[in-house]
């Protein structure tokens, strides 16, 4: 993928994240999170968020399939799309990290 495509995907993710955060109630926990300084900690946090989104999506889909009247199809589809976009973005970041590592390892001494 080109840099322009990845930038476009990241901007779409940010806009979807803004839209989804407007739909979800915020907790005092998320407001009190201190900024993390290392890349590893930030990446680990992002992976946990992607996992949480995927778990939530699976739970909503399961509840909808079981006939839960509190879960509608729109909510299920939105959660699945958010999880898919987050996962794709995470895979792209991983691919970039692997490529950067390979580039560094292939540099002549």
N, C-alpha and C. Protein backbone atom coordinates (compact mmCIF):
# COMPACT_ATOMS: atom_id res chain seq x y z
N UNK A 1 0.84 -1.18 0.00
CA UNK A 1 0.00 0.00 0.00
C UNK A 1 0.88 1.24 0.00
N UNK A 2 0.40 2.28 -0.61
CA UNK A 2 1.17 3.51 -0.67
C UNK A 2 0.94 4.32 0.61
N UNK A 3 1.81 5.31 0.81
CA UNK A 3 1.68 6.16 2.00
C UNK A 3 0.38 6.94 1.98
N UNK A 4 -0.06 7.35 0.79
CA UNK A 4 -1.31 8.10 0.68
C UNK A 4 -2.50 7.24 1.08
N UNK A 5 -2.48 5.97 0.71
CA UNK A 5 -3.56 5.06 1.06
C UNK A 5 -3.60 4.84 2.56
N UNK A 6 -2.45 4.65 3.16
CA UNK A 6 -2.39 4.43 4.62
C UNK A 6 -2.84 5.68 5.36
N UNK A 7 -2.42 6.84 4.88
CA UNK A 7 -2.85 8.09 5.51
C UNK A 7 -4.35 8.25 5.40
N UNK A 8 -4.90 7.88 4.26
CA UNK A 8 -6.35 7.96 4.08
C UNK A 8 -7.07 7.02 5.05
N UNK A 9 -6.56 5.81 5.21
CA UNK A 9 -7.16 4.84 6.12
C UNK A 9 -7.09 5.35 7.56
N UNK A 10 -5.94 5.90 7.94
CA UNK A 10 -5.80 6.41 9.30
C UNK A 10 -6.74 7.58 9.56
N UNK A 11 -6.92 8.47 8.58
CA UNK A 11 -7.85 9.58 8.77
C UNK A 11 -9.29 9.07 8.88
N UNK A 12 -9.63 8.02 8.13
CA UNK A 12 -10.96 7.44 8.24
C UNK A 12 -11.15 6.81 9.62
N UNK A 13 -10.11 6.15 10.11
CA UNK A 13 -10.20 5.53 11.44
C UNK A 13 -10.42 6.60 12.49
N UNK A 14 -9.68 7.70 12.38
CA UNK A 14 -9.84 8.78 13.36
C UNK A 14 -11.25 9.36 13.32
N UNK A 15 -11.80 9.54 12.12
CA UNK A 15 -13.15 10.09 12.04
C UNK A 15 -14.18 9.11 12.59
N UNK A 16 -14.00 7.81 12.30
CA UNK A 16 -14.91 6.80 12.85
C UNK A 16 -14.79 6.70 14.36
N UNK A 17 -13.56 6.85 14.84
CA UNK A 17 -13.35 6.80 16.29
C UNK A 17 -14.06 7.97 16.96
N UNK A 18 -13.99 9.14 16.33
CA UNK A 18 -14.68 10.31 16.87
C UNK A 18 -16.18 10.12 16.88
N UNK A 19 -16.70 9.53 15.80
CA UNK A 19 -18.13 9.28 15.72
C UNK A 19 -18.56 8.23 16.74
N UNK A 20 -17.77 7.17 16.90
CA UNK A 20 -18.16 6.11 17.82
C UNK A 20 -18.04 6.56 19.27
N UNK A 21 -17.07 7.42 19.56
CA UNK A 21 -16.94 7.89 20.94
C UNK A 21 -18.10 8.81 21.31
N UNK A 22 -18.70 9.45 20.32
CA UNK A 22 -19.87 10.27 20.60
C UNK A 22 -21.08 9.41 20.95
N UNK A 23 -21.11 8.17 20.45
CA UNK A 23 -22.22 7.26 20.72
C UNK A 23 -22.08 6.54 22.05
N UNK A 24 -20.84 6.38 22.51
CA UNK A 24 -20.61 5.63 23.75
C UNK A 24 -20.42 6.58 24.93
N UNK A 25 -20.94 6.21 26.09
CA UNK A 25 -20.71 7.04 27.27
C UNK A 25 -19.27 6.91 27.72
N UNK A 26 -18.70 8.03 28.14
CA UNK A 26 -17.32 8.00 28.60
C UNK A 26 -17.28 7.63 30.07
N UNK A 27 -16.22 6.99 30.50
CA UNK A 27 -16.06 6.63 31.90
C UNK A 27 -14.98 7.52 32.51
N UNK A 28 -14.99 7.62 33.80
CA UNK A 28 -13.97 8.41 34.48
C UNK A 28 -12.61 7.76 34.31
N UNK A 29 -12.61 6.45 34.09
CA UNK A 29 -11.37 5.71 33.89
C UNK A 29 -10.65 6.16 32.62
N UNK A 30 -11.38 6.29 31.52
CA UNK A 30 -10.77 6.67 30.25
C UNK A 30 -10.32 8.13 30.27
N UNK A 31 -10.96 8.96 31.05
CA UNK A 31 -10.57 10.36 31.12
C UNK A 31 -9.32 10.55 31.96
N UNK A 32 -9.04 9.62 32.88
CA UNK A 32 -7.92 9.77 33.79
C UNK A 32 -6.66 9.05 33.35
N UNK A 33 -6.63 8.54 32.12
CA UNK A 33 -5.47 7.79 31.64
C UNK A 33 -4.32 8.75 31.38
N UNK A 34 -3.18 8.44 31.96
CA UNK A 34 -2.00 9.28 31.76
C UNK A 34 -1.35 8.93 30.43
N UNK A 35 -0.74 9.91 29.76
CA UNK A 35 -0.08 9.60 28.50
C UNK A 35 1.11 8.66 28.72
N UNK A 36 1.26 7.70 27.82
CA UNK A 36 2.35 6.74 27.94
C UNK A 36 3.50 7.21 27.06
N UNK A 37 4.72 6.95 27.51
CA UNK A 37 5.86 7.53 26.83
C UNK A 37 6.51 6.61 25.81
N UNK A 38 6.41 5.31 25.97
CA UNK A 38 7.13 4.43 25.06
C UNK A 38 6.24 3.94 23.93
N UNK A 39 6.86 3.66 22.79
CA UNK A 39 6.12 3.16 21.64
C UNK A 39 5.53 1.79 21.95
N UNK A 40 6.29 0.95 22.62
CA UNK A 40 5.82 -0.40 22.95
C UNK A 40 4.57 -0.36 23.80
N UNK A 41 4.54 0.52 24.80
CA UNK A 41 3.37 0.62 25.67
C UNK A 41 2.16 1.15 24.89
N UNK A 42 2.41 2.10 24.01
CA UNK A 42 1.32 2.66 23.20
C UNK A 42 0.78 1.60 22.24
N UNK A 43 1.67 0.85 21.61
CA UNK A 43 1.25 -0.19 20.69
C UNK A 43 0.50 -1.30 21.42
N UNK A 44 0.99 -1.66 22.60
CA UNK A 44 0.32 -2.68 23.42
C UNK A 44 -1.09 -2.23 23.80
N UNK A 45 -1.23 -0.96 24.15
CA UNK A 45 -2.54 -0.41 24.49
C UNK A 45 -3.47 -0.47 23.27
N UNK A 46 -2.94 -0.15 22.10
CA UNK A 46 -3.74 -0.19 20.87
C UNK A 46 -4.19 -1.62 20.58
N UNK A 47 -3.30 -2.59 20.79
CA UNK A 47 -3.66 -3.99 20.56
C UNK A 47 -4.78 -4.43 21.51
N UNK A 48 -4.69 -3.99 22.74
CA UNK A 48 -5.74 -4.33 23.71
C UNK A 48 -7.08 -3.70 23.32
N UNK A 49 -7.04 -2.48 22.78
CA UNK A 49 -8.27 -1.83 22.35
C UNK A 49 -8.89 -2.56 21.15
N UNK A 50 -8.04 -2.99 20.22
CA UNK A 50 -8.54 -3.75 19.07
C UNK A 50 -9.17 -5.06 19.53
N UNK A 51 -8.51 -5.72 20.46
CA UNK A 51 -9.06 -6.97 21.00
C UNK A 51 -10.40 -6.72 21.69
N UNK A 52 -10.49 -5.65 22.46
CA UNK A 52 -11.74 -5.33 23.14
C UNK A 52 -12.85 -5.06 22.14
N UNK A 53 -12.52 -4.34 21.05
CA UNK A 53 -13.53 -4.07 20.03
C UNK A 53 -14.00 -5.37 19.37
N UNK A 54 -13.07 -6.27 19.11
CA UNK A 54 -13.45 -7.54 18.49
C UNK A 54 -14.30 -8.38 19.44
N UNK A 55 -13.97 -8.39 20.72
CA UNK A 55 -14.76 -9.12 21.70
C UNK A 55 -16.17 -8.53 21.83
N UNK A 56 -16.24 -7.21 21.85
CA UNK A 56 -17.55 -6.54 21.94
C UNK A 56 -18.39 -6.86 20.71
N UNK A 57 -17.76 -6.82 19.55
CA UNK A 57 -18.46 -7.12 18.30
C UNK A 57 -19.00 -8.54 18.31
N UNK A 58 -18.18 -9.48 18.74
CA UNK A 58 -18.61 -10.88 18.80
C UNK A 58 -19.74 -11.06 19.81
N UNK A 59 -19.66 -10.37 20.93
CA UNK A 59 -20.72 -10.46 21.93
C UNK A 59 -22.04 -9.89 21.43
N UNK A 60 -21.97 -8.75 20.73
CA UNK A 60 -23.19 -8.17 20.18
C UNK A 60 -23.80 -9.08 19.12
N UNK A 61 -22.95 -9.65 18.27
CA UNK A 61 -23.45 -10.56 17.23
C UNK A 61 -24.11 -11.78 17.87
N UNK A 62 -23.50 -12.32 18.91
CA UNK A 62 -24.06 -13.48 19.60
C UNK A 62 -25.41 -13.12 20.23
N UNK A 63 -25.47 -11.94 20.86
CA UNK A 63 -26.72 -11.52 21.49
C UNK A 63 -27.82 -11.32 20.45
N UNK A 64 -27.46 -10.74 19.31
CA UNK A 64 -28.45 -10.55 18.24
C UNK A 64 -28.95 -11.88 17.71
N UNK A 65 -28.03 -12.83 17.53
CA UNK A 65 -28.40 -14.15 17.03
C UNK A 65 -29.32 -14.88 18.01
N UNK A 66 -29.14 -14.62 19.30
CA UNK A 66 -29.96 -15.27 20.31
C UNK A 66 -31.31 -14.58 20.48
N UNK A 67 -31.50 -13.45 19.79
CA UNK A 67 -32.79 -12.77 19.83
C UNK A 67 -32.93 -11.75 20.94
N UNK A 68 -31.84 -11.21 21.43
CA UNK A 68 -31.88 -10.18 22.47
C UNK A 68 -32.59 -8.94 21.91
N UNK A 69 -33.69 -8.50 22.53
CA UNK A 69 -34.44 -7.34 22.01
C UNK A 69 -33.70 -6.01 22.19
N UNK A 70 -32.68 -5.98 23.04
CA UNK A 70 -31.92 -4.74 23.28
C UNK A 70 -30.82 -4.51 22.26
N UNK A 71 -30.56 -5.49 21.39
CA UNK A 71 -29.49 -5.38 20.40
C UNK A 71 -30.11 -5.36 19.01
N UNK A 72 -29.87 -4.26 18.28
CA UNK A 72 -30.40 -4.18 16.92
C UNK A 72 -29.30 -4.43 15.90
N UNK A 73 -29.71 -4.72 14.68
CA UNK A 73 -28.79 -5.07 13.60
C UNK A 73 -27.82 -3.94 13.28
N UNK A 74 -28.28 -2.71 13.33
CA UNK A 74 -27.42 -1.57 13.02
C UNK A 74 -26.25 -1.50 13.99
N UNK A 75 -26.54 -1.70 15.25
CA UNK A 75 -25.49 -1.66 16.28
C UNK A 75 -24.48 -2.79 16.07
N UNK A 76 -24.97 -3.97 15.72
CA UNK A 76 -24.09 -5.12 15.47
C UNK A 76 -23.19 -4.84 14.28
N UNK A 77 -23.76 -4.37 13.19
CA UNK A 77 -22.98 -4.10 11.98
C UNK A 77 -21.96 -3.00 12.20
N UNK A 78 -22.34 -1.96 12.93
CA UNK A 78 -21.41 -0.87 13.22
C UNK A 78 -20.24 -1.39 14.06
N UNK A 79 -20.51 -2.19 15.05
CA UNK A 79 -19.45 -2.74 15.90
C UNK A 79 -18.53 -3.64 15.09
N UNK A 80 -19.09 -4.43 14.18
CA UNK A 80 -18.26 -5.31 13.36
C UNK A 80 -17.37 -4.51 12.41
N UNK A 81 -17.90 -3.45 11.84
CA UNK A 81 -17.10 -2.63 10.93
C UNK A 81 -16.00 -1.89 11.68
N UNK A 82 -16.30 -1.38 12.87
CA UNK A 82 -15.28 -0.71 13.67
C UNK A 82 -14.14 -1.68 14.01
N UNK A 83 -14.51 -2.88 14.39
CA UNK A 83 -13.50 -3.89 14.73
C UNK A 83 -12.67 -4.26 13.51
N UNK A 84 -13.30 -4.37 12.35
CA UNK A 84 -12.57 -4.73 11.13
C UNK A 84 -11.60 -3.63 10.72
N UNK A 85 -12.04 -2.38 10.79
CA UNK A 85 -11.17 -1.26 10.42
C UNK A 85 -10.00 -1.16 11.40
N UNK A 86 -10.26 -1.32 12.67
CA UNK A 86 -9.19 -1.28 13.67
C UNK A 86 -8.18 -2.38 13.44
N UNK A 87 -8.67 -3.57 13.13
CA UNK A 87 -7.77 -4.70 12.89
C UNK A 87 -6.91 -4.46 11.66
N UNK A 88 -7.53 -3.96 10.58
CA UNK A 88 -6.76 -3.68 9.36
C UNK A 88 -5.69 -2.64 9.60
N UNK A 89 -6.02 -1.61 10.36
CA UNK A 89 -5.04 -0.57 10.67
C UNK A 89 -3.89 -1.14 11.49
N UNK A 90 -4.20 -2.00 12.44
CA UNK A 90 -3.17 -2.62 13.26
C UNK A 90 -2.26 -3.51 12.41
N UNK A 91 -2.84 -4.24 11.49
CA UNK A 91 -2.04 -5.08 10.59
C UNK A 91 -1.12 -4.21 9.73
N UNK A 92 -1.62 -3.08 9.26
CA UNK A 92 -0.78 -2.18 8.45
C UNK A 92 0.39 -1.63 9.26
N UNK A 93 0.13 -1.27 10.51
CA UNK A 93 1.22 -0.79 11.38
C UNK A 93 2.24 -1.90 11.59
N UNK A 94 1.76 -3.11 11.83
CA UNK A 94 2.67 -4.24 12.00
C UNK A 94 3.51 -4.47 10.74
N UNK A 95 2.85 -4.40 9.57
CA UNK A 95 3.58 -4.58 8.32
C UNK A 95 4.65 -3.51 8.14
N UNK A 96 4.34 -2.28 8.50
CA UNK A 96 5.33 -1.20 8.40
C UNK A 96 6.51 -1.45 9.36
N UNK A 97 6.21 -1.93 10.55
CA UNK A 97 7.28 -2.21 11.51
C UNK A 97 8.18 -3.34 11.00
N UNK A 98 7.59 -4.38 10.45
CA UNK A 98 8.37 -5.50 9.92
C UNK A 98 9.23 -5.02 8.76
N UNK A 99 8.66 -4.20 7.88
CA UNK A 99 9.41 -3.69 6.74
C UNK A 99 10.57 -2.80 7.21
N UNK A 100 10.32 -1.97 8.20
CA UNK A 100 11.39 -1.11 8.73
C UNK A 100 12.50 -1.96 9.35
N UNK A 101 12.12 -3.00 10.09
CA UNK A 101 13.11 -3.90 10.68
C UNK A 101 13.94 -4.57 9.60
N UNK A 102 13.28 -5.06 8.55
CA UNK A 102 14.00 -5.71 7.47
C UNK A 102 14.93 -4.74 6.75
N UNK A 103 14.48 -3.51 6.57
CA UNK A 103 15.34 -2.50 5.93
C UNK A 103 16.58 -2.23 6.76
N UNK A 104 16.41 -2.14 8.08
CA UNK A 104 17.56 -1.89 8.95
C UNK A 104 18.51 -3.09 8.93
N UNK A 105 17.94 -4.29 8.96
CA UNK A 105 18.79 -5.49 8.96
C UNK A 105 19.55 -5.67 7.64
N UNK A 106 19.01 -5.18 6.54
CA UNK A 106 19.65 -5.31 5.25
C UNK A 106 20.61 -4.18 4.92
N UNK A 107 20.75 -3.23 5.83
CA UNK A 107 21.69 -2.12 5.58
C UNK A 107 23.12 -2.64 5.64
N UNK A 108 23.95 -2.17 4.71
CA UNK A 108 25.36 -2.59 4.77
C UNK A 108 26.06 -1.89 5.93
N UNK A 109 27.02 -2.59 6.48
CA UNK A 109 27.78 -2.02 7.61
C UNK A 109 28.85 -1.16 7.12
